[in-house]
Amino acid sequence: MTKLLRPAPTPPPSAGRLRPVSRPLTGARAGVPARLRLLAWPLYLLALVWYLRAYGLPYSNDVVFCWLIGALLAAAVHSGHGRRGFLLVLRDWVPVMAAVWAYSLLRGYGAHTPWAPHWRPQLRADELLGLGETWTVRLQHGLYTPGSPHWYDYAAVTVYMSHFFLVFVVLTVLWRRRHDRFRQLLTCYLVLTFAGFATYLLFPADPPWLTSQEGHMPALTRVVSDVLTESGLQRAGSIFENGSRFANDVAAMPSLHSAYPAMLLFFFWPMSTRWVRALLVAYPLAMAFTLVYGAEHFIVDIFAGWAYAAAVVFGARWLRAQPRAGLQGRP
């Protein structure tokens, strides 16, 4: 009796992921000369060190993306993928750069809406949560010393600044290792970002520091800006705003600073270990403390950011499950 052997199906390669090479390519088969492959990372790092010494840390979105794309191109050359690697990097990352650049330009229009910015509802809600006094006022009066930053002030600056690069670092890792997850997280990031922009247009809102300057709250300090100034570093308000002739001080509701950490929490929670989950929880909480203590956002802005992140991540997960649910329901 003859047995029919059915060959195991070969999974299709991911369209955007650079597949590992089982053995080095040599001679005519090599996409990139071996010497150039070995020089890819040293040349990139040499150029990066030169830039940092000449201009300091990059705070504008276009410069950050250029260095990010440069790193991916160096990785493509080092892996020996040559032209194919270049095309994959440009195909997946140039549209991301274009989308974020468009957001950086459009975001400023939220400051020029015909209706006045809101501050009273957020302030009243925070006073209710603080039993008569906002937690921003309490934390700054109890912890902050103007002109003499403490260790936790530097920690707050680190957490605050992570907003401008951490999501992109995670996207880069996923692009290299799990391209399907890269596309899913990128979709969540873009939807969340432009949902925030739409809200800035419809509901311009003052942050606590601006509400204080307008005389509606006790005197407050922008802790992050102050600590950066005390440290001799240039003030970096936002990577999205730098390099743009638009600025928006009333883009506070929802807080995207709080939304992105929550997005990472909801996105990675199902597949994470116990220790990773602890970090995923700690990061949004640390960011929330930083934003309240630093007078960057009201607590209700943070709650709104968490709600937006939950709606986007779980909504995207539900939409992805619909085709599978439809196939399972067929006879």
C-alpha atoms as a PDB file:
ATOM      1  CA  MET A   1       0.000   0.000   0.000  1.00  0.00           C
ATOM      2  CA  THR A   2       1.512   3.251  -1.140  1.00  0.00           C
ATOM      3  CA  LYS A   3       1.466   6.167   1.229  1.00  0.00           C
ATOM      4  CA  LEU A   4       1.038   9.556  -0.242  1.00  0.00           C
ATOM      5  CA  LEU A   5       3.372  11.957   1.453  1.00  0.00           C
ATOM      6  CA  ARG A   6       2.190  15.519   1.425  1.00  0.00           C
ATOM      7  CA  PRO A   7       5.043  17.996   1.721  1.00  0.00           C
ATOM      8  CA  ALA A   8       4.724  20.428   4.594  1.00  0.00           C
ATOM      9  CA  PRO A   9       3.654  23.875   3.372  1.00  0.00           C
ATOM     10  CA  THR A  10       6.365  26.471   3.379  1.00  0.00           C
ATOM     11  CA  PRO A  11       5.295  29.692   5.120  1.00  0.00           C
ATOM     12  CA  PRO A  12       5.614  32.711   2.847  1.00  0.00           C
ATOM     13  CA  PRO A  13       8.418  35.078   3.786  1.00  0.00           C
ATOM     14  CA  SER A  14       7.408  38.336   5.412  1.00  0.00           C
ATOM     15  CA  ALA A  15       7.327  41.070   2.805  1.00  0.00           C
ATOM     16  CA  GLY A  16       9.117  43.635   4.882  1.00  0.00           C
ATOM     17  CA  ARG A  17      11.405  41.619   7.095  1.00  0.00           C
ATOM     18  CA  LEU A  18      14.974  41.028   6.101  1.00  0.00           C
ATOM     19  CA  ARG A  19      15.350  37.235   6.125  1.00  0.00           C
ATOM     20  CA  PRO A  20      18.482  35.934   7.806  1.00  0.00           C
ATOM     21  CA  VAL A  21      21.132  34.567   5.484  1.00  0.00           C
ATOM     22  CA  SER A  22      22.110  30.976   6.289  1.00  0.00           C
ATOM     23  CA  ARG A  23      25.687  31.435   5.040  1.00  0.00           C
ATOM     24  CA  PRO A  24      27.735  34.426   3.952  1.00  0.00           C
ATOM     25  CA  LEU A  25      27.333  35.519   0.365  1.00  0.00           C
ATOM     26  CA  THR A  26      30.587  35.647  -1.582  1.00  0.00           C
ATOM     27  CA  GLY A  27      31.760  36.404  -5.090  1.00  0.00           C
ATOM     28  CA  ALA A  28      29.133  37.176  -7.688  1.00  0.00           C
ATOM     29  CA  ARG A  29      26.314  36.166  -5.325  1.00  0.00           C
ATOM     30  CA  ALA A  30      27.136  38.865  -2.826  1.00  0.00           C
ATOM     31  CA  GLY A  31      24.717  41.793  -2.885  1.00  0.00           C
ATOM     32  CA  VAL A  32      27.263  44.043  -1.143  1.00  0.00           C
ATOM     33  CA  PRO A  33      31.065  43.706  -1.145  1.00  0.00           C
ATOM     34  CA  ALA A  34      32.343  42.082   2.042  1.00  0.00           C
ATOM     35  CA  ARG A  35      34.545  45.043   2.995  1.00  0.00           C
ATOM     36  CA  LEU A  36      31.673  47.481   2.665  1.00  0.00           C
ATOM     37  CA  ARG A  37      29.504  45.232   4.801  1.00  0.00           C
ATOM     38  CA  LEU A  38      32.113  45.293   7.568  1.00  0.00           C
ATOM     39  CA  LEU A  39      32.385  49.078   7.365  1.00  0.00           C
ATOM     40  CA  ALA A  40      28.630  49.777   7.451  1.00  0.00           C
ATOM     41  CA  TRP A  41      28.220  50.073  11.211  1.00  0.00           C
ATOM     42  CA  PRO A  42      31.581  51.740  11.971  1.00  0.00           C
ATOM     43  CA  LEU A  43      30.895  54.412   9.337  1.00  0.00           C
ATOM     44  CA  TYR A  44      27.383  54.992  10.663  1.00  0.00           C
ATOM     45  CA  LEU A  45      28.569  55.268  14.281  1.00  0.00           C
ATOM     46  CA  LEU A  46      31.427  57.565  13.258  1.00  0.00           C
ATOM     47  CA  ALA A  47      28.979  59.876  11.487  1.00  0.00           C
ATOM     48  CA  LEU A  48      26.605  59.802  14.474  1.00  0.00           C
ATOM     49  CA  VAL A  49      29.372  60.668  16.951  1.00  0.00           C
ATOM     50  CA  TRP A  50      30.479  63.539  14.704  1.00  0.00           C
ATOM     51  CA  TYR A  51      26.919  64.881  14.549  1.00  0.00           C
ATOM     52  CA  LEU A  52      26.433  64.638  18.318  1.00  0.00           C
ATOM     53  CA  ARG A  53      29.677  66.476  18.997  1.00  0.00           C
ATOM     54  CA  ALA A  54      28.906  69.163  16.429  1.00  0.00           C
ATOM     55  CA  TYR A  55      25.181  69.712  17.012  1.00  0.00           C
ATOM     56  CA  GLY A  56      24.203  67.873  20.190  1.00  0.00           C
ATOM     57  CA  LEU A  57      21.228  65.568  20.624  1.00  0.00           C
ATOM     58  CA  PRO A  58      18.757  65.696  17.710  1.00  0.00           C
ATOM     59  CA  TYR A  59      15.434  67.102  18.880  1.00  0.00           C
ATOM     60  CA  SER A  60      13.635  67.569  15.554  1.00  0.00           C
ATOM     61  CA  ASN A  61      11.588  64.785  14.052  1.00  0.00           C
ATOM     62  CA  ASP A  62      13.142  64.937  10.597  1.00  0.00           C
ATOM     63  CA  VAL A  63      16.684  64.570  11.978  1.00  0.00           C
ATOM     64  CA  VAL A  64      15.676  61.723  14.304  1.00  0.00           C
ATOM     65  CA  PHE A  65      14.067  59.861  11.427  1.00  0.00           C
ATOM     66  CA  CYS A  66      17.066  60.389   9.177  1.00  0.00           C
ATOM     67  CA  TRP A  67      19.346  58.777  11.759  1.00  0.00           C
ATOM     68  CA  LEU A  68      16.836  56.008  12.346  1.00  0.00           C
ATOM     69  CA  ILE A  69      16.605  55.230   8.649  1.00  0.00           C
ATOM     70  CA  GLY A  70      20.389  55.434   8.439  1.00  0.00           C
ATOM     71  CA  ALA A  71      20.690  52.775  11.128  1.00  0.00           C
ATOM     72  CA  LEU A  72      18.307  50.482   9.266  1.00  0.00           C
ATOM     73  CA  LEU A  73      20.210  51.026   6.020  1.00  0.00           C
ATOM     74  CA  ALA A  74      23.469  50.208   7.807  1.00  0.00           C
ATOM     75  CA  ALA A  75      21.860  47.021   9.103  1.00  0.00           C
ATOM     76  CA  ALA A  76      20.728  46.138   5.580  1.00  0.00           C
ATOM     77  CA  VAL A  77      24.245  46.632   4.205  1.00  0.00           C
ATOM     78  CA  HIS A  78      25.804  44.688   7.079  1.00  0.00           C
ATOM     79  CA  SER A  79      23.423  41.788   6.434  1.00  0.00           C
ATOM     80  CA  GLY A  80      24.424  41.670   2.771  1.00  0.00           C
ATOM     81  CA  HIS A  81      20.979  42.383   1.363  1.00  0.00           C
ATOM     82  CA  GLY A  82      22.105  45.249  -0.816  1.00  0.00           C
ATOM     83  CA  ARG A  83      19.536  46.912  -3.012  1.00  0.00           C
ATOM     84  CA  ARG A  84      16.651  44.793  -1.716  1.00  0.00           C
ATOM     85  CA  GLY A  85      17.385  45.836   1.850  1.00  0.00           C
ATOM     86  CA  PHE A  86      17.542  49.501   0.852  1.00  0.00           C
ATOM     87  CA  LEU A  87      14.195  49.281  -0.905  1.00  0.00           C
ATOM     88  CA  LEU A  88      12.534  47.549   2.042  1.00  0.00           C
ATOM     89  CA  VAL A  89      13.758  50.204   4.471  1.00  0.00           C
ATOM     90  CA  LEU A  90      12.595  53.051   2.249  1.00  0.00           C
ATOM     91  CA  ARG A  91       9.276  51.366   1.479  1.00  0.00           C
ATOM     92  CA  ASP A  92       8.315  50.911   5.130  1.00  0.00           C
ATOM     93  CA  TRP A  93       9.883  53.934   6.829  1.00  0.00           C
ATOM     94  CA  VAL A  94       9.640  56.877   4.441  1.00  0.00           C
ATOM     95  CA  PRO A  95       5.796  56.822   4.658  1.00  0.00           C
ATOM     96  CA  VAL A  96       6.100  56.764   8.456  1.00  0.00           C
ATOM     97  CA  MET A  97       8.362  59.789   8.350  1.00  0.00           C
ATOM     98  CA  ALA A  98       5.957  61.555   5.995  1.00  0.00           C
ATOM     99  CA  ALA A  99       2.983  60.845   8.273  1.00  0.00           C
ATOM    100  CA  VAL A 100       4.725  62.142  11.395  1.00  0.00           C
ATOM    101  CA  TRP A 101       6.008  65.170   9.524  1.00  0.00           C
ATOM    102  CA  ALA A 102       2.480  65.926   8.331  1.00  0.00           C
ATOM    103  CA  TYR A 103       1.266  65.654  11.911  1.00  0.00           C
ATOM    104  CA  SER A 104       3.998  68.020  13.096  1.00  0.00           C
ATOM    105  CA  LEU A 105       2.716  70.643  10.645  1.00  0.00           C
ATOM    106  CA  LEU A 106      -0.990  70.068  11.183  1.00  0.00           C
ATOM    107  CA  ARG A 107      -0.832  69.918  14.972  1.00  0.00           C
ATOM    108  CA  GLY A 108      -0.184  73.624  15.246  1.00  0.00           C
ATOM    109  CA  TYR A 109      -3.498  74.490  13.649  1.00  0.00           C
ATOM    110  CA  GLY A 110      -5.211  73.395  16.859  1.00  0.00           C
ATOM    111  CA  ALA A 111      -3.967  76.628  18.416  1.00  0.00           C
ATOM    112  CA  HIS A 112      -5.845  78.723  15.848  1.00  0.00           C
ATOM    113  CA  THR A 113      -9.403  77.436  16.175  1.00  0.00           C
ATOM    114  CA  PRO A 114     -12.199  80.029  16.463  1.00  0.00           C
ATOM    115  CA  TRP A 115     -13.192  78.825  19.960  1.00  0.00           C
ATOM    116  CA  ALA A 116     -11.274  79.592  23.132  1.00  0.00           C
ATOM    117  CA  PRO A 117      -9.156  76.919  24.834  1.00  0.00           C
ATOM    118  CA  HIS A 118     -10.748  75.058  27.735  1.00  0.00           C
ATOM    119  CA  TRP A 119      -9.276  74.928  31.215  1.00  0.00           C
ATOM    120  CA  ARG A 120     -12.114  75.099  33.722  1.00  0.00           C
ATOM    121  CA  PRO A 121     -13.489  71.510  33.321  1.00  0.00           C
ATOM    122  CA  GLN A 122     -10.029  69.958  33.662  1.00  0.00           C
ATOM    123  CA  LEU A 123      -9.138  72.129  36.641  1.00  0.00           C
ATOM    124  CA  ARG A 124     -12.399  71.390  38.443  1.00  0.00           C
ATOM    125  CA  ALA A 125     -11.992  67.658  37.826  1.00  0.00           C
ATOM    126  CA  ASP A 126      -8.429  67.706  39.163  1.00  0.00           C
ATOM    127  CA  GLU A 127      -9.504  69.678  42.228  1.00  0.00           C
ATOM    128  CA  LEU A 128     -12.176  67.076  42.847  1.00  0.00           C
ATOM    129  CA  LEU A 129      -9.616  64.273  42.545  1.00  0.00           C
ATOM    130  CA  GLY A 130      -7.286  66.178  44.878  1.00  0.00           C
ATOM    131  CA  LEU A 131     -10.017  66.939  47.431  1.00  0.00           C
ATOM    132  CA  GLY A 132      -9.859  70.660  46.884  1.00  0.00           C
ATOM    133  CA  GLU A 133      -6.335  71.150  45.549  1.00  0.00           C
ATOM    134  CA  THR A 134      -4.743  69.789  42.399  1.00  0.00           C
ATOM    135  CA  TRP A 135      -2.056  67.140  42.747  1.00  0.00           C
ATOM    136  CA  THR A 136       0.228  69.228  40.549  1.00  0.00           C
ATOM    137  CA  VAL A 137       0.269  72.003  43.132  1.00  0.00           C
ATOM    138  CA  ARG A 138       0.757  69.547  45.986  1.00  0.00           C
ATOM    139  CA  LEU A 139       3.604  67.667  44.321  1.00  0.00           C
ATOM    140  CA  GLN A 140       5.504  70.764  43.256  1.00  0.00           C
ATOM    141  CA  HIS A 141       5.163  72.426  46.662  1.00  0.00           C
ATOM    142  CA  GLY A 142       6.328  69.259  48.374  1.00  0.00           C
ATOM    143  CA  LEU A 143       9.045  67.987  46.020  1.00  0.00           C
ATOM    144  CA  TYR A 144      10.399  70.655  43.700  1.00  0.00           C
ATOM    145  CA  THR A 145      13.213  73.043  44.611  1.00  0.00           C
ATOM    146  CA  PRO A 146      13.716  75.736  41.947  1.00  0.00           C
ATOM    147  CA  GLY A 147      17.340  76.000  40.862  1.00  0.00           C
ATOM    148  CA  SER A 148      18.353  72.805  42.647  1.00  0.00           C
ATOM    149  CA  PRO A 149      17.059  69.707  40.829  1.00  0.00           C
ATOM    150  CA  HIS A 150      16.874  66.427  42.729  1.00  0.00           C
ATOM    151  CA  TRP A 151      17.567  62.938  41.383  1.00  0.00           C
ATOM    152  CA  TYR A 152      13.861  62.358  40.794  1.00  0.00           C
ATOM    153  CA  ASP A 153      13.702  65.527  38.692  1.00  0.00           C
ATOM    154  CA  TYR A 154      16.324  64.073  36.345  1.00  0.00           C
ATOM    155  CA  ALA A 155      14.398  60.795  36.335  1.00  0.00           C
ATOM    156  CA  ALA A 156      11.250  62.714  35.392  1.00  0.00           C
ATOM    157  CA  VAL A 157      13.091  64.394  32.505  1.00  0.00           C
ATOM    158  CA  THR A 158      14.281  60.985  31.260  1.00  0.00           C
ATOM    159  CA  VAL A 159      10.775  59.565  31.370  1.00  0.00           C
ATOM    160  CA  TYR A 160       9.335  62.636  29.665  1.00  0.00           C
ATOM    161  CA  MET A 161      11.900  62.626  26.850  1.00  0.00           C
ATOM    162  CA  SER A 162      11.393  58.897  26.210  1.00  0.00           C
ATOM    163  CA  HIS A 163       8.081  59.890  24.616  1.00  0.00           C
ATOM    164  CA  PHE A 164       9.958  61.196  21.580  1.00  0.00           C
ATOM    165  CA  PHE A 165      11.890  58.056  20.659  1.00  0.00           C
ATOM    166  CA  LEU A 166      10.797  54.916  22.555  1.00  0.00           C
ATOM    167  CA  VAL A 167       7.877  54.014  20.281  1.00  0.00           C
ATOM    168  CA  PHE A 168      10.159  54.356  17.246  1.00  0.00           C
ATOM    169  CA  VAL A 169      12.774  52.104  18.851  1.00  0.00           C
ATOM    170  CA  VAL A 170      10.116  49.470  19.531  1.00  0.00           C
ATOM    171  CA  LEU A 171       8.846  49.780  15.956  1.00  0.00           C
ATOM    172  CA  THR A 172      12.391  49.304  14.670  1.00  0.00           C
ATOM    173  CA  VAL A 173      12.847  46.103  16.688  1.00  0.00           C
ATOM    174  CA  LEU A 174       9.515  44.760  15.468  1.00  0.00           C
ATOM    175  CA  TRP A 175      10.393  45.660  11.881  1.00  0.00           C
ATOM    176  CA  ARG A 176      13.491  43.503  12.139  1.00  0.00           C
ATOM    177  CA  ARG A 177      11.918  40.592  14.012  1.00  0.00           C
ATOM    178  CA  ARG A 178       8.126  40.547  13.579  1.00  0.00           C
ATOM    179  CA  HIS A 179       7.000  42.507  10.570  1.00  0.00           C
ATOM    180  CA  ASP A 180       3.346  41.590  11.098  1.00  0.00           C
ATOM    181  CA  ARG A 181       3.486  43.045  14.601  1.00  0.00           C
ATOM    182  CA  PHE A 182       5.324  46.088  13.230  1.00  0.00           C
ATOM    183  CA  ARG A 183       2.420  46.882  10.926  1.00  0.00           C
ATOM    184  CA  GLN A 184      -0.116  46.364  13.724  1.00  0.00           C
ATOM    185  CA  LEU A 185       1.681  48.655  16.179  1.00  0.00           C
ATOM    186  CA  LEU A 186       2.349  51.243  13.481  1.00  0.00           C
ATOM    187  CA  THR A 187      -1.364  51.308  12.638  1.00  0.00           C
ATOM    188  CA  CYS A 188      -2.232  51.846  16.295  1.00  0.00           C
ATOM    189  CA  TYR A 189       0.380  54.585  16.600  1.00  0.00           C
ATOM    190  CA  LEU A 190      -0.835  56.516  13.544  1.00  0.00           C
ATOM    191  CA  VAL A 191      -4.537  56.178  14.398  1.00  0.00           C
ATOM    192  CA  LEU A 192      -3.884  57.262  17.987  1.00  0.00           C
ATOM    193  CA  THR A 193      -1.765  60.219  16.874  1.00  0.00           C
ATOM    194  CA  PHE A 194      -4.286  61.603  14.399  1.00  0.00           C
ATOM    195  CA  ALA A 195      -7.202  60.934  16.768  1.00  0.00           C
ATOM    196  CA  GLY A 196      -5.368  63.156  19.231  1.00  0.00           C
ATOM    197  CA  PHE A 197      -4.908  65.798  16.545  1.00  0.00           C
ATOM    198  CA  ALA A 198      -8.631  65.760  15.720  1.00  0.00           C
ATOM    199  CA  THR A 199      -9.430  66.292  19.388  1.00  0.00           C
ATOM    200  CA  TYR A 200      -6.989  69.205  19.606  1.00  0.00           C
ATOM    201  CA  LEU A 201      -8.986  70.894  16.845  1.00  0.00           C
ATOM    202  CA  LEU A 202     -12.365  70.243  18.457  1.00  0.00           C
ATOM    203  CA  PHE A 203     -11.352  70.737  22.075  1.00  0.00           C
ATOM    204  CA  PRO A 204      -8.293  72.967  22.518  1.00  0.00           C
ATOM    205  CA  ALA A 205      -7.215  72.715  26.146  1.00  0.00           C
ATOM    206  CA  ASP A 206      -4.739  74.547  28.364  1.00  0.00           C
ATOM    207  CA  PRO A 207      -2.168  72.500  30.295  1.00  0.00           C
ATOM    208  CA  PRO A 208      -1.638  73.277  34.011  1.00  0.00           C
ATOM    209  CA  TRP A 209       1.438  75.458  33.451  1.00  0.00           C
ATOM    210  CA  LEU A 210      -0.457  77.685  31.020  1.00  0.00           C
ATOM    211  CA  THR A 211      -3.526  77.751  33.263  1.00  0.00           C
ATOM    212  CA  SER A 212      -1.225  78.931  36.044  1.00  0.00           C
ATOM    213  CA  GLN A 213       0.301  81.653  33.873  1.00  0.00           C
ATOM    214  CA  GLU A 214      -3.194  82.924  33.096  1.00  0.00           C
ATOM    215  CA  GLY A 215      -3.879  83.309  36.829  1.00  0.00           C
ATOM    216  CA  HIS A 216      -6.359  80.460  37.307  1.00  0.00           C
ATOM    217  CA  MET A 217      -4.028  78.322  39.462  1.00  0.00           C
ATOM    218  CA  PRO A 218      -1.228  78.904  41.964  1.00  0.00           C
ATOM    219  CA  ALA A 219       2.252  79.487  40.533  1.00  0.00           C
ATOM    220  CA  LEU A 220       3.652  76.379  38.822  1.00  0.00           C
ATOM    221  CA  THR A 221       6.938  75.459  37.153  1.00  0.00           C
ATOM    222  CA  ARG A 222       7.517  73.453  33.983  1.00  0.00           C
ATOM    223  CA  VAL A 223       9.881  71.068  35.685  1.00  0.00           C
ATOM    224  CA  VAL A 224      11.271  69.419  32.547  1.00  0.00           C
ATOM    225  CA  SER A 225      12.180  72.722  30.919  1.00  0.00           C
ATOM    226  CA  ASP A 226      13.680  74.045  34.122  1.00  0.00           C
ATOM    227  CA  VAL A 227      15.815  70.955  34.712  1.00  0.00           C
ATOM    228  CA  LEU A 228      17.059  70.980  31.118  1.00  0.00           C
ATOM    229  CA  THR A 229      17.980  74.640  31.488  1.00  0.00           C
ATOM    230  CA  GLU A 230      19.741  74.040  34.812  1.00  0.00           C
ATOM    231  CA  SER A 231      21.668  71.188  33.201  1.00  0.00           C
ATOM    232  CA  GLY A 232      22.911  73.415  30.402  1.00  0.00           C
ATOM    233  CA  LEU A 233      20.942  71.526  27.753  1.00  0.00           C
ATOM    234  CA  GLN A 234      18.780  73.216  25.180  1.00  0.00           C
ATOM    235  CA  ARG A 235      15.107  73.161  25.958  1.00  0.00           C
ATOM    236  CA  ALA A 236      13.341  70.518  23.920  1.00  0.00           C
ATOM    237  CA  GLY A 237       9.626  71.093  24.139  1.00  0.00           C
ATOM    238  CA  SER A 238       8.641  68.523  21.531  1.00  0.00           C
ATOM    239  CA  ILE A 239      10.292  66.715  18.653  1.00  0.00           C
ATOM    240  CA  PHE A 240       7.058  67.166  16.728  1.00  0.00           C
ATOM    241  CA  GLU A 241       7.154  70.932  17.123  1.00  0.00           C
ATOM    242  CA  ASN A 242      10.830  71.628  16.537  1.00  0.00           C
ATOM    243  CA  GLY A 243      11.618  72.379  12.931  1.00  0.00           C
ATOM    244  CA  SER A 244       8.063  73.533  12.329  1.00  0.00           C
ATOM    245  CA  ARG A 245       6.832  77.106  12.184  1.00  0.00           C
ATOM    246  CA  PHE A 246       3.701  75.916  13.981  1.00  0.00           C
ATOM    247  CA  ALA A 247       3.462  75.447  17.739  1.00  0.00           C
ATOM    248  CA  ASN A 248       0.509  74.453  19.870  1.00  0.00           C
ATOM    249  CA  ASP A 249       0.474  75.047  23.610  1.00  0.00           C
ATOM    250  CA  VAL A 250      -3.194  74.055  23.904  1.00  0.00           C
ATOM    251  CA  ALA A 251      -2.850  70.465  22.636  1.00  0.00           C
ATOM    252  CA  ALA A 252      -3.333  68.933  26.078  1.00  0.00           C
ATOM    253  CA  MET A 253      -6.502  66.836  25.745  1.00  0.00           C
ATOM    254  CA  PRO A 254      -5.851  63.934  25.355  1.00  0.00           C
ATOM    255  CA  SER A 255      -2.280  63.551  26.559  1.00  0.00           C
ATOM    256  CA  LEU A 256      -0.350  61.635  23.905  1.00  0.00           C
ATOM    257  CA  HIS A 257       2.534  61.488  26.370  1.00  0.00           C
ATOM    258  CA  SER A 258       0.311  59.207  28.451  1.00  0.00           C
ATOM    259  CA  ALA A 259      -1.406  57.551  25.494  1.00  0.00           C
ATOM    260  CA  TYR A 260       1.715  56.023  23.910  1.00  0.00           C
ATOM    261  CA  PRO A 261       2.897  54.170  27.068  1.00  0.00           C
ATOM    262  CA  ALA A 262      -0.654  52.880  27.538  1.00  0.00           C
ATOM    263  CA  MET A 263      -0.686  51.774  23.898  1.00  0.00           C
ATOM    264  CA  LEU A 264       2.479  49.721  24.480  1.00  0.00           C
ATOM    265  CA  LEU A 265       0.931  48.231  27.630  1.00  0.00           C
ATOM    266  CA  PHE A 266      -2.276  47.132  25.917  1.00  0.00           C
ATOM    267  CA  PHE A 267      -0.496  45.982  22.756  1.00  0.00           C
ATOM    268  CA  PHE A 268       2.187  43.798  24.335  1.00  0.00           C
ATOM    269  CA  TRP A 269       0.351  42.553  27.435  1.00  0.00           C
ATOM    270  CA  PRO A 270      -1.074  39.297  25.958  1.00  0.00           C
ATOM    271  CA  MET A 271       2.362  38.047  24.800  1.00  0.00           C
ATOM    272  CA  SER A 272       4.544  39.302  27.670  1.00  0.00           C
ATOM    273  CA  THR A 273       6.179  37.576  30.625  1.00  0.00           C
ATOM    274  CA  ARG A 274       5.608  38.616  34.214  1.00  0.00           C
ATOM    275  CA  TRP A 275       8.679  40.866  34.328  1.00  0.00           C
ATOM    276  CA  VAL A 276       7.885  42.527  31.029  1.00  0.00           C
ATOM    277  CA  ARG A 277       4.347  43.155  32.231  1.00  0.00           C
ATOM    278  CA  ALA A 278       5.735  44.832  35.334  1.00  0.00           C
ATOM    279  CA  LEU A 279       7.714  47.213  33.099  1.00  0.00           C
ATOM    280  CA  LEU A 280       4.702  47.777  30.863  1.00  0.00           C
ATOM    281  CA  VAL A 281       2.669  48.857  33.901  1.00  0.00           C
ATOM    282  CA  ALA A 282       5.475  50.903  35.475  1.00  0.00           C
ATOM    283  CA  TYR A 283       6.103  53.003  32.374  1.00  0.00           C
ATOM    284  CA  PRO A 284       2.592  54.560  32.059  1.00  0.00           C
ATOM    285  CA  LEU A 285       2.509  55.191  35.818  1.00  0.00           C
ATOM    286  CA  ALA A 286       5.938  56.860  35.743  1.00  0.00           C
ATOM    287  CA  MET A 287       4.861  58.978  32.781  1.00  0.00           C
ATOM    288  CA  ALA A 288       1.620  59.948  34.537  1.00  0.00           C
ATOM    289  CA  PHE A 289       3.532  61.066  37.634  1.00  0.00           C
ATOM    290  CA  THR A 290       5.980  63.031  35.482  1.00  0.00           C
ATOM    291  CA  LEU A 291       3.214  64.838  33.593  1.00  0.00           C
ATOM    292  CA  VAL A 292       1.286  65.783  36.733  1.00  0.00           C
ATOM    293  CA  TYR A 293       4.359  66.740  38.758  1.00  0.00           C
ATOM    294  CA  GLY A 294       5.852  68.646  35.834  1.00  0.00           C
ATOM    295  CA  ALA A 295       2.633  70.661  35.232  1.00  0.00           C
ATOM    296  CA  GLU A 296       2.412  69.360  31.663  1.00  0.00           C
ATOM    297  CA  HIS A 297      -1.052  67.769  31.933  1.00  0.00           C
ATOM    298  CA  PHE A 298      -4.071  67.556  34.162  1.00  0.00           C
ATOM    299  CA  ILE A 299      -4.957  64.119  35.499  1.00  0.00           C
ATOM    300  CA  VAL A 300      -8.077  64.012  33.314  1.00  0.00           C
ATOM    301  CA  ASP A 301      -5.860  64.607  30.240  1.00  0.00           C
ATOM    302  CA  ILE A 302      -3.952  61.467  31.217  1.00  0.00           C
ATOM    303  CA  PHE A 303      -7.128  59.469  31.748  1.00  0.00           C
ATOM    304  CA  ALA A 304      -8.312  60.571  28.310  1.00  0.00           C
ATOM    305  CA  GLY A 305      -4.985  59.452  26.787  1.00  0.00           C
ATOM    306  CA  TRP A 306      -5.357  56.015  28.389  1.00  0.00           C
ATOM    307  CA  ALA A 307      -8.932  55.769  27.109  1.00  0.00           C
ATOM    308  CA  TYR A 308      -7.863  56.695  23.567  1.00  0.00           C
ATOM    309  CA  ALA A 309      -5.087  54.089  23.668  1.00  0.00           C
ATOM    310  CA  ALA A 310      -7.458  51.378  24.895  1.00  0.00           C
ATOM    311  CA  ALA A 311     -10.019  52.221  22.216  1.00  0.00           C
ATOM    312  CA  VAL A 312      -7.417  52.117  19.434  1.00  0.00           C
ATOM    313  CA  VAL A 313      -5.589  48.924  20.493  1.00  0.00           C
ATOM    314  CA  PHE A 314      -8.638  46.886  21.427  1.00  0.00           C
ATOM    315  CA  GLY A 315     -10.585  48.240  18.470  1.00  0.00           C
ATOM    316  CA  ALA A 316      -7.810  47.195  16.073  1.00  0.00           C
ATOM    317  CA  ARG A 317      -7.614  43.776  17.747  1.00  0.00           C
ATOM    318  CA  TRP A 318     -11.378  43.343  17.361  1.00  0.00           C
ATOM    319  CA  LEU A 319     -11.251  44.303  13.681  1.00  0.00           C
ATOM    320  CA  ARG A 320      -8.443  41.807  13.008  1.00  0.00           C
ATOM    321  CA  ALA A 321     -10.480  39.065  14.680  1.00  0.00           C
ATOM    322  CA  GLN A 322     -13.549  39.629  12.496  1.00  0.00           C
ATOM    323  CA  PRO A 323     -12.337  37.789   9.339  1.00  0.00           C
ATOM    324  CA  ARG A 324     -11.284  34.786  11.444  1.00  0.00           C
ATOM    325  CA  ALA A 325     -14.600  34.791  13.267  1.00  0.00           C
ATOM    326  CA  GLY A 326     -16.404  34.865   9.906  1.00  0.00           C
ATOM    327  CA  LEU A 327     -14.398  31.917   8.586  1.00  0.00           C
ATOM    328  CA  GLN A 328     -15.039  29.872  11.730  1.00  0.00           C
ATOM    329  CA  GLY A 329     -18.767  30.497  11.444  1.00  0.00           C
ATOM    330  CA  ARG A 330     -18.987  29.078   7.896  1.00  0.00           C
ATOM    331  CA  PRO A 331     -20.368  25.545   7.502  1.00  0.00           C
END
